[in-house]
Amino acid sequence: MEIERKYLVQNPPAGYRQMPCLQIEQAYLCTAPVVRIRRQDDEFYLTYKSEGLLVREEYNLPLTEASYSHLLEKADGIVLTKRRYLIPLPEYPSLTAEMDVFEGEYEGLILAEVEFPSREAAEDFSPPLWFGREVTFSGEYQNSRLASAKPDRQ
């Protein structure tokens, strides 16, 4: 089960580039339901996600590099590339913000996500100011939607 909230970041925190990060490339084989392939540094995954915004089922299966490359040729839409920075949240020691700084087609887009252990924890969360506008419930910044069509980011 994935329980997460997502925010549109306009002003990332100072020093974020010194935080641990992952290089991610991902593409979509299907968006209803979501079937995604992802390269995360030197690891490869196939992911299924059910419908939903705040809470949804998520299953990750490992892939080989060859399987990933084969499936990438079959993907629809834009292949998303981003650098994911892992930023601790001092107010919530058990939580980490995953801040995605997009490259390529979405250069300049920055989103922050936080995954929670429960719906209650997600609902009780007060984001730091740098997070910006919450976009969890609009769905407009779901990665599967970004891969389908470029949004208006004003």
Protein backbone atom coordinates (compact mmCIF):
# COMPACT_ATOMS: atom_id res chain seq x y z
CA MET A 1 0.00 0.00 0.00
CA GLU A 2 1.29 3.43 -0.92
CA ILE A 3 0.10 6.43 1.10
CA GLU A 4 1.68 9.68 -0.04
CA ARG A 5 1.15 13.41 -0.41
CA LYS A 6 2.69 15.44 -3.23
CA TYR A 7 3.65 19.14 -3.49
CA LEU A 8 4.73 21.50 -6.26
CA VAL A 9 8.04 23.05 -5.14
CA GLN A 10 8.88 26.59 -6.26
CA ASN A 11 11.75 27.26 -3.83
CA PRO A 12 13.75 24.14 -2.91
CA PRO A 13 15.58 24.13 0.43
CA ALA A 14 19.11 25.52 0.54
CA GLY A 15 21.80 22.88 0.22
CA TYR A 16 19.54 20.19 -1.23
CA ARG A 17 22.17 19.24 -3.83
CA GLN A 18 24.37 17.90 -1.00
CA MET A 19 21.66 15.44 0.08
CA PRO A 20 21.71 11.78 -1.02
CA CYS A 21 20.08 11.33 -4.40
CA LEU A 22 19.04 8.76 -6.98
CA GLN A 23 19.02 9.08 -10.77
CA ILE A 24 15.66 7.86 -12.11
CA GLU A 25 14.34 7.11 -15.58
CA GLN A 26 10.80 5.78 -15.89
CA ALA A 27 8.23 5.07 -18.55
CA TYR A 28 4.67 3.77 -18.70
CA LEU A 29 3.33 0.69 -20.45
CA CYS A 30 -0.23 1.48 -19.31
CA THR A 31 -1.85 4.27 -17.29
CA ALA A 32 -5.19 2.66 -16.29
CA PRO A 33 -4.13 0.75 -14.26
CA VAL A 34 -0.63 2.16 -13.98
CA VAL A 35 2.08 -0.21 -15.16
CA ARG A 36 5.49 1.46 -15.00
CA ILE A 37 9.09 0.50 -15.60
CA ARG A 38 11.86 2.29 -13.75
CA ARG A 39 15.63 2.48 -13.74
CA GLN A 40 16.83 3.76 -10.37
CA ASP A 41 20.61 4.10 -10.51
CA ASP A 42 21.65 0.50 -11.35
CA GLU A 43 18.38 -1.20 -10.33
CA PHE A 44 15.36 -1.95 -12.52
CA TYR A 45 11.69 -2.44 -11.59
CA LEU A 46 8.26 -3.11 -13.00
CA THR A 47 5.55 -1.46 -10.88
CA TYR A 48 1.77 -1.84 -10.78
CA LYS A 49 -0.30 0.89 -9.09
CA SER A 50 -4.04 0.83 -8.57
CA GLU A 51 -6.29 3.86 -8.97
CA GLY A 52 -6.24 6.49 -6.25
CA LEU A 53 -4.62 9.73 -5.19
CA LEU A 54 -3.71 9.66 -1.48
CA VAL A 55 -3.89 5.87 -0.97
CA ARG A 56 -3.40 3.11 -3.54
CA GLU A 57 -1.98 -0.35 -3.95
CA GLU A 58 1.55 -0.61 -5.26
CA TYR A 59 3.57 -3.70 -6.22
CA ASN A 60 7.21 -3.63 -7.35
CA LEU A 61 8.91 -6.49 -9.16
CA PRO A 62 12.63 -6.57 -9.99
CA LEU A 63 13.70 -6.57 -13.63
CA THR A 64 16.99 -7.29 -15.35
CA GLU A 65 18.59 -4.53 -17.39
CA ALA A 66 17.80 -6.48 -20.57
CA SER A 67 14.12 -6.81 -19.59
CA TYR A 68 13.96 -3.11 -18.78
CA SER A 69 15.49 -2.17 -22.16
CA HIS A 70 13.09 -4.49 -23.99
CA LEU A 71 10.04 -3.01 -22.21
CA LEU A 72 11.28 0.57 -22.66
CA GLU A 73 10.85 0.14 -26.42
CA LYS A 74 7.16 -0.62 -25.82
CA ALA A 75 6.46 2.33 -23.51
CA ASP A 76 3.93 5.03 -24.41
CA GLY A 77 4.48 8.76 -24.09
CA ILE A 78 7.38 10.64 -22.57
CA VAL A 79 10.21 8.84 -20.77
CA LEU A 80 10.59 10.77 -17.52
CA THR A 81 14.04 11.53 -16.13
CA LYS A 82 14.70 13.07 -12.75
CA ARG A 83 17.08 13.28 -9.87
CA ARG A 84 15.45 12.33 -6.55
CA TYR A 85 16.92 14.01 -3.47
CA LEU A 86 16.23 12.40 -0.09
CA ILE A 87 15.65 15.21 2.39
CA PRO A 88 15.13 14.57 6.12
CA LEU A 89 12.21 16.30 7.81
CA PRO A 90 13.39 17.31 11.32
CA GLU A 91 9.81 17.91 12.48
CA TYR A 92 8.98 14.28 11.56
CA PRO A 93 12.10 12.16 12.26
CA SER A 94 10.56 9.00 10.80
CA LEU A 95 9.72 10.66 7.46
CA THR A 96 11.83 11.69 4.48
CA ALA A 97 10.86 14.06 1.68
CA GLU A 98 11.63 12.72 -1.80
CA MET A 99 12.21 15.80 -3.93
CA ASP A 100 12.21 15.09 -7.67
CA VAL A 101 14.07 17.57 -9.85
CA PHE A 102 13.00 16.77 -13.40
CA GLU A 103 15.26 16.81 -16.43
CA GLY A 104 14.61 16.57 -20.16
CA GLU A 105 11.04 17.33 -21.24
CA TYR A 106 10.14 18.62 -17.76
CA GLU A 107 13.31 20.58 -16.99
CA GLY A 108 12.51 23.01 -14.16
CA LEU A 109 9.66 21.01 -12.61
CA ILE A 110 10.25 20.11 -8.95
CA LEU A 111 7.90 17.93 -6.91
CA ALA A 112 8.19 16.75 -3.30
CA GLU A 113 6.50 13.60 -2.01
CA VAL A 114 6.25 12.09 1.44
CA GLU A 115 5.18 8.50 2.05
CA PHE A 116 3.34 7.72 5.27
CA PRO A 117 2.78 4.60 7.37
CA SER A 118 -0.98 5.30 7.64
CA ARG A 119 -3.78 7.46 6.27
CA GLU A 120 -4.03 9.14 9.69
CA ALA A 121 -0.33 10.10 9.61
CA ALA A 122 -0.80 11.54 6.11
CA GLU A 123 -3.82 13.57 7.18
CA ASP A 124 -2.02 14.91 10.29
CA PHE A 125 1.08 16.01 8.33
CA SER A 126 1.91 19.74 8.22
CA PRO A 127 4.37 20.33 5.37
CA PRO A 128 7.34 22.68 5.63
CA LEU A 129 6.88 25.99 3.81
CA TRP A 130 9.32 25.11 1.02
CA PHE A 131 6.99 22.34 -0.17
CA GLY A 132 4.68 24.84 -1.88
CA ARG A 133 1.20 24.04 -3.22
CA GLU A 134 -0.20 20.59 -2.52
CA VAL A 135 -1.14 18.69 -5.69
CA THR A 136 -2.00 15.29 -4.17
CA PHE A 137 -5.71 15.43 -4.84
CA SER A 138 -5.69 17.06 -8.28
CA GLY A 139 -3.78 14.19 -9.86
CA GLU A 140 -2.33 16.61 -12.43
CA TYR A 141 1.24 15.90 -11.32
CA GLN A 142 1.03 12.12 -11.12
CA ASN A 143 3.99 10.78 -13.06
CA SER A 144 1.73 8.65 -15.24
CA ARG A 145 -0.09 11.80 -16.31
CA LEU A 146 3.17 13.70 -16.86
CA ALA A 147 4.30 10.93 -19.21
CA SER A 148 1.08 11.34 -21.24
CA ALA A 149 0.97 15.12 -21.74
CA LYS A 150 2.85 18.18 -20.54
CA PRO A 151 0.80 20.10 -17.88
CA ASP A 152 0.40 23.85 -17.54
CA ARG A 153 2.79 24.67 -14.67
CA GLN A 154 1.78 28.24 -13.87
